[in-house]
Amino acid sequence: MALSRTPRNKVTPPLKGSFPLDHDGECKDRMRDYMECLKKTSQNSRACREESRQYLACRMEKDLMTKEPLDTLGFKDLKPLPSENQPQNKS
């Protein structure tokens, strides 16, 4: 009996690419704050936007993801973080 092969969908990488895991726990507290917020709000991520922003900012500060303005990540309507007001070093 011959097995027929079904064509598989082409797998594409995420738009932002991959990023390293936080093996050293540099942003663990921020991640926990976000996860606690999700738990308290029945997984309502919109209610946890500030915690999410803090977590992403930490990851960028620790070079765990590409640095980019938080405005482009959907946080344009929130007040800037103190670290966002500092000029960025260009190497």
PDB file of N, CA and C in Angstrom:
ATOM      1  N   MET A   1       0.839  -1.168   0.000  1.00  0.00           N
ATOM      2  CA  MET A   1       0.000   0.000   0.000  1.00  0.00           C
ATOM      3  C   MET A   1       0.893   1.243   0.000  1.00  0.00           C
ATOM      4  N   ALA A   2       0.699   2.132  -0.929  1.00  0.00           N
ATOM      5  CA  ALA A   2       1.524   3.335  -1.045  1.00  0.00           C
ATOM      6  C   ALA A   2       0.966   4.442  -0.140  1.00  0.00           C
ATOM      7  N   LEU A   3       1.875   5.102   0.509  1.00  0.00           N
ATOM      8  CA  LEU A   3       1.468   6.238   1.349  1.00  0.00           C
ATOM      9  C   LEU A   3       1.508   7.507   0.525  1.00  0.00           C
ATOM     10  N   SER A   4       0.460   8.262   0.611  1.00  0.00           N
ATOM     11  CA  SER A   4       0.468   9.535  -0.112  1.00  0.00           C
ATOM     12  C   SER A   4       1.008  10.629   0.816  1.00  0.00           C
ATOM     13  N   ARG A   5       1.763  11.517   0.264  1.00  0.00           N
ATOM     14  CA  ARG A   5       2.336  12.617   1.042  1.00  0.00           C
ATOM     15  C   ARG A   5       1.468  13.853   0.878  1.00  0.00           C
ATOM     16  N   THR A   6       1.140  14.443   1.976  1.00  0.00           N
ATOM     17  CA  THR A   6       0.355  15.675   1.945  1.00  0.00           C
ATOM     18  C   THR A   6       1.320  16.851   1.995  1.00  0.00           C
ATOM     19  N   PRO A   7       1.149  17.819   1.117  1.00  0.00           N
ATOM     20  CA  PRO A   7       2.040  18.976   1.176  1.00  0.00           C
ATOM     21  C   PRO A   7       1.856  19.720   2.503  1.00  0.00           C
ATOM     22  N   ARG A   8       2.973  20.095   3.087  1.00  0.00           N
ATOM     23  CA  ARG A   8       2.919  20.818   4.359  1.00  0.00           C
ATOM     24  C   ARG A   8       2.987  22.312   4.097  1.00  0.00           C
ATOM     25  N   ASN A   9       2.393  23.054   5.017  1.00  0.00           N
ATOM     26  CA  ASN A   9       2.488  24.505   4.914  1.00  0.00           C
ATOM     27  C   ASN A   9       3.920  24.931   5.138  1.00  0.00           C
ATOM     28  N   LYS A  10       4.341  25.955   4.426  1.00  0.00           N
ATOM     29  CA  LYS A  10       5.699  26.470   4.581  1.00  0.00           C
ATOM     30  C   LYS A  10       5.800  27.176   5.933  1.00  0.00           C
ATOM     31  N   VAL A  11       6.814  26.836   6.699  1.00  0.00           N
ATOM     32  CA  VAL A  11       7.026  27.449   8.008  1.00  0.00           C
ATOM     33  C   VAL A  11       7.842  28.713   7.819  1.00  0.00           C
ATOM     34  N   THR A  12       7.360  29.807   8.394  1.00  0.00           N
ATOM     35  CA  THR A  12       8.095  31.068   8.293  1.00  0.00           C
ATOM     36  C   THR A  12       8.484  31.548   9.689  1.00  0.00           C
ATOM     37  N   PRO A  13       9.653  32.181   9.803  1.00  0.00           N
ATOM     38  CA  PRO A  13      10.081  32.672  11.113  1.00  0.00           C
ATOM     39  C   PRO A  13       9.231  33.861  11.553  1.00  0.00           C
ATOM     40  N   PRO A  14       9.218  34.175  12.848  1.00  0.00           N
ATOM     41  CA  PRO A  14       8.462  35.329  13.318  1.00  0.00           C
ATOM     42  C   PRO A  14       9.000  36.620  12.698  1.00  0.00           C
ATOM     43  N   LEU A  15       8.150  37.622  12.570  1.00  0.00           N
ATOM     44  CA  LEU A  15       8.551  38.885  11.961  1.00  0.00           C
ATOM     45  C   LEU A  15       9.706  39.551  12.705  1.00  0.00           C
ATOM     46  N   LYS A  16       9.702  39.481  14.008  1.00  0.00           N
ATOM     47  CA  LYS A  16      10.742  40.124  14.805  1.00  0.00           C
ATOM     48  C   LYS A  16      11.954  39.224  14.998  1.00  0.00           C
ATOM     49  N   GLY A  17      11.927  38.013  14.493  1.00  0.00           N
ATOM     50  CA  GLY A  17      13.042  37.104  14.662  1.00  0.00           C
ATOM     51  C   GLY A  17      13.028  36.454  16.028  1.00  0.00           C
ATOM     52  N   SER A  18      14.076  35.701  16.315  1.00  0.00           N
ATOM     53  CA  SER A  18      14.154  35.043  17.613  1.00  0.00           C
ATOM     54  C   SER A  18      14.965  35.914  18.562  1.00  0.00           C
ATOM     55  N   PHE A  19      14.829  35.661  19.826  1.00  0.00           N
ATOM     56  CA  PHE A  19      15.591  36.423  20.815  1.00  0.00           C
ATOM     57  C   PHE A  19      15.995  35.477  21.928  1.00  0.00           C
ATOM     58  N   PRO A  20      17.111  35.792  22.599  1.00  0.00           N
ATOM     59  CA  PRO A  20      17.601  34.869  23.627  1.00  0.00           C
ATOM     60  C   PRO A  20      16.683  34.777  24.833  1.00  0.00           C
ATOM     61  N   LEU A  21      16.662  33.608  25.431  1.00  0.00           N
ATOM     62  CA  LEU A  21      15.915  33.421  26.669  1.00  0.00           C
ATOM     63  C   LEU A  21      16.655  34.116  27.799  1.00  0.00           C
ATOM     64  N   ASP A  22      15.947  34.439  28.830  1.00  0.00           N
ATOM     65  CA  ASP A  22      16.515  35.138  29.986  1.00  0.00           C
ATOM     66  C   ASP A  22      17.050  34.099  30.973  1.00  0.00           C
ATOM     67  N   HIS A  23      18.120  33.398  30.580  1.00  0.00           N
ATOM     68  CA  HIS A  23      18.672  32.327  31.411  1.00  0.00           C
ATOM     69  C   HIS A  23      19.148  32.818  32.769  1.00  0.00           C
ATOM     70  N   ASP A  24      19.645  34.049  32.838  1.00  0.00           N
ATOM     71  CA  ASP A  24      20.174  34.591  34.098  1.00  0.00           C
ATOM     72  C   ASP A  24      19.093  35.253  34.954  1.00  0.00           C
ATOM     73  N   GLY A  25      17.875  35.291  34.477  1.00  0.00           N
ATOM     74  CA  GLY A  25      16.778  35.868  35.248  1.00  0.00           C
ATOM     75  C   GLY A  25      16.880  37.369  35.437  1.00  0.00           C
ATOM     76  N   GLU A  26      17.486  38.053  34.473  1.00  0.00           N
ATOM     77  CA  GLU A  26      17.683  39.497  34.592  1.00  0.00           C
ATOM     78  C   GLU A  26      16.364  40.264  34.608  1.00  0.00           C
ATOM     79  N   CYS A  27      15.353  39.741  33.969  1.00  0.00           N
ATOM     80  CA  CYS A  27      14.051  40.418  33.920  1.00  0.00           C
ATOM     81  C   CYS A  27      12.957  39.566  34.569  1.00  0.00           C
ATOM     82  N   LYS A  28      13.356  38.656  35.424  1.00  0.00           N
ATOM     83  CA  LYS A  28      12.421  37.716  36.038  1.00  0.00           C
ATOM     84  C   LYS A  28      11.354  38.433  36.867  1.00  0.00           C
ATOM     85  N   ASP A  29      11.747  39.457  37.633  1.00  0.00           N
ATOM     86  CA  ASP A  29      10.773  40.184  38.450  1.00  0.00           C
ATOM     87  C   ASP A  29       9.718  40.861  37.591  1.00  0.00           C
ATOM     88  N   ARG A  30      10.138  41.469  36.484  1.00  0.00           N
ATOM     89  CA  ARG A  30       9.187  42.119  35.583  1.00  0.00           C
ATOM     90  C   ARG A  30       8.249  41.093  34.948  1.00  0.00           C
ATOM     91  N   MET A  31       8.812  39.941  34.580  1.00  0.00           N
ATOM     92  CA  MET A  31       7.996  38.881  33.989  1.00  0.00           C
ATOM     93  C   MET A  31       6.962  38.380  34.998  1.00  0.00           C
ATOM     94  N   ARG A  32       7.384  38.216  36.244  1.00  0.00           N
ATOM     95  CA  ARG A  32       6.451  37.760  37.283  1.00  0.00           C
ATOM     96  C   ARG A  32       5.346  38.783  37.514  1.00  0.00           C
ATOM     97  N   ASP A  33       5.703  40.063  37.515  1.00  0.00           N
ATOM     98  CA  ASP A  33       4.688  41.113  37.675  1.00  0.00           C
ATOM     99  C   ASP A  33       3.640  41.006  36.572  1.00  0.00           C
ATOM    100  N   TYR A  34       4.100  40.799  35.351  1.00  0.00           N
ATOM    101  CA  TYR A  34       3.186  40.673  34.221  1.00  0.00           C
ATOM    102  C   TYR A  34       2.306  39.427  34.362  1.00  0.00           C
ATOM    103  N   MET A  35       2.918  38.310  34.722  1.00  0.00           N
ATOM    104  CA  MET A  35       2.158  37.075  34.868  1.00  0.00           C
ATOM    105  C   MET A  35       1.141  37.175  36.009  1.00  0.00           C
ATOM    106  N   GLU A  36       1.512  37.825  37.099  1.00  0.00           N
ATOM    107  CA  GLU A  36       0.574  38.039  38.215  1.00  0.00           C
ATOM    108  C   GLU A  36      -0.599  38.909  37.778  1.00  0.00           C
ATOM    109  N   CYS A  37      -0.300  39.945  37.009  1.00  0.00           N
ATOM    110  CA  CYS A  37      -1.365  40.817  36.504  1.00  0.00           C
ATOM    111  C   CYS A  37      -2.327  40.018  35.636  1.00  0.00           C
ATOM    112  N   LEU A  38      -1.794  39.186  34.752  1.00  0.00           N
ATOM    113  CA  LEU A  38      -2.661  38.358  33.907  1.00  0.00           C
ATOM    114  C   LEU A  38      -3.537  37.449  34.751  1.00  0.00           C
ATOM    115  N   LYS A  39      -2.949  36.887  35.790  1.00  0.00           N
ATOM    116  CA  LYS A  39      -3.702  35.995  36.668  1.00  0.00           C
ATOM    117  C   LYS A  39      -4.846  36.737  37.361  1.00  0.00           C
ATOM    118  N   LYS A  40      -4.547  37.941  37.863  1.00  0.00           N
ATOM    119  CA  LYS A  40      -5.551  38.741  38.577  1.00  0.00           C
ATOM    120  C   LYS A  40      -6.674  39.224  37.673  1.00  0.00           C
ATOM    121  N   THR A  41      -6.369  39.416  36.387  1.00  0.00           N
ATOM    122  CA  THR A  41      -7.353  39.985  35.467  1.00  0.00           C
ATOM    123  C   THR A  41      -7.954  38.946  34.521  1.00  0.00           C
ATOM    124  N   SER A  42      -7.870  37.676  34.887  1.00  0.00           N
ATOM    125  CA  SER A  42      -8.410  36.589  34.057  1.00  0.00           C
ATOM    126  C   SER A  42      -7.848  36.631  32.635  1.00  0.00           C
ATOM    127  N   GLN A  43      -6.531  36.787  32.536  1.00  0.00           N
ATOM    128  CA  GLN A  43      -5.804  36.785  31.264  1.00  0.00           C
ATOM    129  C   GLN A  43      -6.143  37.960  30.356  1.00  0.00           C
ATOM    130  N   ASN A  44      -6.548  39.077  30.927  1.00  0.00           N
ATOM    131  CA  ASN A  44      -6.861  40.270  30.141  1.00  0.00           C
ATOM    132  C   ASN A  44      -5.573  41.060  29.914  1.00  0.00           C
ATOM    133  N   SER A  45      -4.915  40.830  28.789  1.00  0.00           N
ATOM    134  CA  SER A  45      -3.624  41.459  28.524  1.00  0.00           C
ATOM    135  C   SER A  45      -3.725  42.983  28.401  1.00  0.00           C
ATOM    136  N   ARG A  46      -4.868  43.489  27.970  1.00  0.00           N
ATOM    137  CA  ARG A  46      -5.026  44.953  27.866  1.00  0.00           C
ATOM    138  C   ARG A  46      -4.941  45.611  29.235  1.00  0.00           C
ATOM    139  N   ALA A  47      -5.391  44.933  30.271  1.00  0.00           N
ATOM    140  CA  ALA A  47      -5.330  45.487  31.618  1.00  0.00           C
ATOM    141  C   ALA A  47      -3.897  45.451  32.168  1.00  0.00           C
ATOM    142  N   CYS A  48      -3.016  44.737  31.509  1.00  0.00           N
ATOM    143  CA  CYS A  48      -1.637  44.550  31.989  1.00  0.00           C
ATOM    144  C   CYS A  48      -0.617  45.193  31.061  1.00  0.00           C
ATOM    145  N   ARG A  49      -1.029  46.194  30.324  1.00  0.00           N
ATOM    146  CA  ARG A  49      -0.130  46.817  29.349  1.00  0.00           C
ATOM    147  C   ARG A  49       1.084  47.463  30.006  1.00  0.00           C
ATOM    148  N   GLU A  50       0.911  48.086  31.154  1.00  0.00           N
ATOM    149  CA  GLU A  50       2.042  48.724  31.837  1.00  0.00           C
ATOM    150  C   GLU A  50       3.075  47.675  32.250  1.00  0.00           C
ATOM    151  N   GLU A  51       2.630  46.562  32.789  1.00  0.00           N
ATOM    152  CA  GLU A  51       3.540  45.489  33.178  1.00  0.00           C
ATOM    153  C   GLU A  51       4.237  44.893  31.951  1.00  0.00           C
ATOM    154  N   SER A  52       3.500  44.762  30.876  1.00  0.00           N
ATOM    155  CA  SER A  52       4.071  44.256  29.638  1.00  0.00           C
ATOM    156  C   SER A  52       5.149  45.207  29.124  1.00  0.00           C
ATOM    157  N   ARG A  53       4.861  46.475  29.144  1.00  0.00           N
ATOM    158  CA  ARG A  53       5.827  47.484  28.692  1.00  0.00           C
ATOM    159  C   ARG A  53       7.087  47.458  29.555  1.00  0.00           C
ATOM    160  N   GLN A  54       6.910  47.344  30.872  1.00  0.00           N
ATOM    161  CA  GLN A  54       8.058  47.290  31.777  1.00  0.00           C
ATOM    162  C   GLN A  54       8.924  46.064  31.469  1.00  0.00           C
ATOM    163  N   TYR A  55       8.287  44.946  31.202  1.00  0.00           N
ATOM    164  CA  TYR A  55       9.008  43.712  30.889  1.00  0.00           C
ATOM    165  C   TYR A  55       9.795  43.849  29.582  1.00  0.00           C
ATOM    166  N   LEU A  56       9.143  44.361  28.555  1.00  0.00           N
ATOM    167  CA  LEU A  56       9.829  44.525  27.271  1.00  0.00           C
ATOM    168  C   LEU A  56      10.970  45.536  27.376  1.00  0.00           C
ATOM    169  N   ALA A  57      10.759  46.612  28.137  1.00  0.00           N
ATOM    170  CA  ALA A  57      11.815  47.603  28.335  1.00  0.00           C
ATOM    171  C   ALA A  57      13.017  46.965  29.032  1.00  0.00           C
ATOM    172  N   CYS A  58      12.774  46.134  30.014  1.00  0.00           N
ATOM    173  CA  CYS A  58      13.849  45.429  30.712  1.00  0.00           C
ATOM    174  C   CYS A  58      14.614  44.547  29.738  1.00  0.00           C
ATOM    175  N   ARG A  59      13.909  43.805  28.915  1.00  0.00           N
ATOM    176  CA  ARG A  59      14.573  42.919  27.946  1.00  0.00           C
ATOM    177  C   ARG A  59      15.444  43.711  26.983  1.00  0.00           C
ATOM    178  N   MET A  60      14.968  44.888  26.569  1.00  0.00           N
ATOM    179  CA  MET A  60      15.774  45.711  25.667  1.00  0.00           C
ATOM    180  C   MET A  60      17.001  46.267  26.385  1.00  0.00           C
ATOM    181  N   GLU A  61      16.815  46.704  27.631  1.00  0.00           N
ATOM    182  CA  GLU A  61      17.943  47.249  28.405  1.00  0.00           C
ATOM    183  C   GLU A  61      19.025  46.200  28.634  1.00  0.00           C
ATOM    184  N   LYS A  62      18.649  44.954  28.772  1.00  0.00           N
ATOM    185  CA  LYS A  62      19.592  43.867  29.058  1.00  0.00           C
ATOM    186  C   LYS A  62      20.058  43.168  27.778  1.00  0.00           C
ATOM    187  N   ASP A  63      19.744  43.749  26.623  1.00  0.00           N
ATOM    188  CA  ASP A  63      20.111  43.186  25.321  1.00  0.00           C
ATOM    189  C   ASP A  63      19.572  41.774  25.108  1.00  0.00           C
ATOM    190  N   LEU A  64      18.362  41.538  25.591  1.00  0.00           N
ATOM    191  CA  LEU A  64      17.694  40.261  25.371  1.00  0.00           C
ATOM    192  C   LEU A  64      16.731  40.332  24.193  1.00  0.00           C
ATOM    193  N   MET A  65      16.597  41.512  23.626  1.00  0.00           N
ATOM    194  CA  MET A  65      15.830  41.687  22.395  1.00  0.00           C
ATOM    195  C   MET A  65      16.303  42.980  21.734  1.00  0.00           C
ATOM    196  N   THR A  66      15.999  43.139  20.484  1.00  0.00           N
ATOM    197  CA  THR A  66      16.411  44.322  19.740  1.00  0.00           C
ATOM    198  C   THR A  66      15.781  45.564  20.337  1.00  0.00           C
ATOM    199  N   LYS A  67      16.604  46.602  20.509  1.00  0.00           N
ATOM    200  CA  LYS A  67      16.092  47.861  21.043  1.00  0.00           C
ATOM    201  C   LYS A  67      15.312  48.586  19.962  1.00  0.00           C
ATOM    202  N   GLU A  68      14.122  49.009  20.330  1.00  0.00           N
ATOM    203  CA  GLU A  68      13.299  49.825  19.440  1.00  0.00           C
ATOM    204  C   GLU A  68      12.354  50.641  20.301  1.00  0.00           C
ATOM    205  N   PRO A  69      11.857  51.741  19.781  1.00  0.00           N
ATOM    206  CA  PRO A  69      10.946  52.563  20.580  1.00  0.00           C
ATOM    207  C   PRO A  69       9.707  51.761  20.991  1.00  0.00           C
ATOM    208  N   LEU A  70       9.321  51.928  22.250  1.00  0.00           N
ATOM    209  CA  LEU A  70       8.136  51.206  22.737  1.00  0.00           C
ATOM    210  C   LEU A  70       6.873  51.661  22.017  1.00  0.00           C
ATOM    211  N   ASP A  71       6.901  52.857  21.441  1.00  0.00           N
ATOM    212  CA  ASP A  71       5.758  53.325  20.647  1.00  0.00           C
ATOM    213  C   ASP A  71       5.450  52.360  19.505  1.00  0.00           C
ATOM    214  N   THR A  72       6.500  51.807  18.896  1.00  0.00           N
ATOM    215  CA  THR A  72       6.287  50.900  17.764  1.00  0.00           C
ATOM    216  C   THR A  72       5.790  49.534  18.206  1.00  0.00           C
ATOM    217  N   LEU A  73       5.843  49.272  19.518  1.00  0.00           N
ATOM    218  CA  LEU A  73       5.350  48.002  20.038  1.00  0.00           C
ATOM    219  C   LEU A  73       3.935  48.124  20.613  1.00  0.00           C
ATOM    220  N   GLY A  74       3.298  49.266  20.364  1.00  0.00           N
ATOM    221  CA  GLY A  74       1.904  49.426  20.773  1.00  0.00           C
ATOM    222  C   GLY A  74       1.688  50.157  22.077  1.00  0.00           C
ATOM    223  N   PHE A  75       2.708  50.862  22.565  1.00  0.00           N
ATOM    224  CA  PHE A  75       2.577  51.563  23.840  1.00  0.00           C
ATOM    225  C   PHE A  75       2.616  53.079  23.673  1.00  0.00           C
ATOM    226  N   LYS A  76       2.233  53.561  22.524  1.00  0.00           N
ATOM    227  CA  LYS A  76       2.296  54.994  22.206  1.00  0.00           C
ATOM    228  C   LYS A  76       1.430  55.833  23.146  1.00  0.00           C
ATOM    229  N   ASP A  77       0.316  55.290  23.605  1.00  0.00           N
ATOM    230  CA  ASP A  77      -0.621  56.055  24.427  1.00  0.00           C
ATOM    231  C   ASP A  77      -0.223  56.107  25.909  1.00  0.00           C
ATOM    232  N   LEU A  78       0.795  55.345  26.321  1.00  0.00           N
ATOM    233  CA  LEU A  78       1.230  55.359  27.718  1.00  0.00           C
ATOM    234  C   LEU A  78       2.333  56.393  27.914  1.00  0.00           C
ATOM    235  N   LYS A  79       2.439  56.922  29.135  1.00  0.00           N
ATOM    236  CA  LYS A  79       3.490  57.894  29.422  1.00  0.00           C
ATOM    237  C   LYS A  79       4.855  57.251  29.234  1.00  0.00           C
ATOM    238  N   PRO A  80       5.841  58.005  28.727  1.00  0.00           N
ATOM    239  CA  PRO A  80       7.181  57.433  28.528  1.00  0.00           C
ATOM    240  C   PRO A  80       7.813  56.996  29.840  1.00  0.00           C
ATOM    241  N   LEU A  81       8.599  55.937  29.760  1.00  0.00           N
ATOM    242  CA  LEU A  81       9.378  55.482  30.910  1.00  0.00           C
ATOM    243  C   LEU A  81      10.591  56.401  31.057  1.00  0.00           C
ATOM    244  N   PRO A  82      11.149  56.540  32.259  1.00  0.00           N
ATOM    245  CA  PRO A  82      12.338  57.388  32.431  1.00  0.00           C
ATOM    246  C   PRO A  82      13.475  57.011  31.480  1.00  0.00           C
ATOM    247  N   SER A  83      13.675  55.736  31.233  1.00  0.00           N
ATOM    248  CA  SER A  83      14.756  55.298  30.343  1.00  0.00           C
ATOM    249  C   SER A  83      14.512  55.706  28.889  1.00  0.00           C
ATOM    250  N   GLU A  84      13.253  55.965  28.528  1.00  0.00           N
ATOM    251  CA  GLU A  84      12.941  56.374  27.155  1.00  0.00           C
ATOM    252  C   GLU A  84      13.317  57.826  26.907  1.00  0.00           C
ATOM    253  N   ASN A  85      13.460  58.618  27.951  1.00  0.00           N
ATOM    254  CA  ASN A  85      13.788  60.029  27.798  1.00  0.00           C
ATOM    255  C   ASN A  85      15.293  60.249  27.629  1.00  0.00           C
ATOM    256  N   GLN A  86      16.097  59.237  27.911  1.00  0.00           N
ATOM    257  CA  GLN A  86      17.545  59.350  27.779  1.00  0.00           C
ATOM    258  C   GLN A  86      17.935  59.110  26.344  1.00  0.00           C
ATOM    259  N   PRO A  87      18.944  59.869  25.841  1.00  0.00           N
ATOM    260  CA  PRO A  87      19.414  59.606  24.470  1.00  0.00           C
ATOM    261  C   PRO A  87      20.078  58.242  24.406  1.00  0.00           C
ATOM    262  N   GLN A  88      19.859  57.552  23.300  1.00  0.00           N
ATOM    263  CA  GLN A  88      20.428  56.220  23.133  1.00  0.00           C
ATOM    264  C   GLN A  88      21.828  56.340  22.555  1.00  0.00           C
ATOM    265  N   ASN A  89      22.757  55.482  23.059  1.00  0.00           N
ATOM    266  CA  ASN A  89      24.114  55.442  22.534  1.00  0.00           C
ATOM    267  C   ASN A  89      24.073  54.752  21.183  1.00  0.00           C
ATOM    268  N   LYS A  90      24.741  55.352  20.226  1.00  0.00           N
ATOM    269  CA  LYS A  90      24.829  54.721  18.915  1.00  0.00           C
ATOM    270  C   LYS A  90      26.242  54.248  18.726  1.00  0.00           C
ATOM    271  N   SER A  91      26.429  52.951  18.572  1.00  0.00           N
ATOM    272  CA  SER A  91      27.776  52.394  18.428  1.00  0.00           C
ATOM    273  C   SER A  91      28.105  52.215  16.969  1.00  0.00           C
TER     274      SER A  91
END
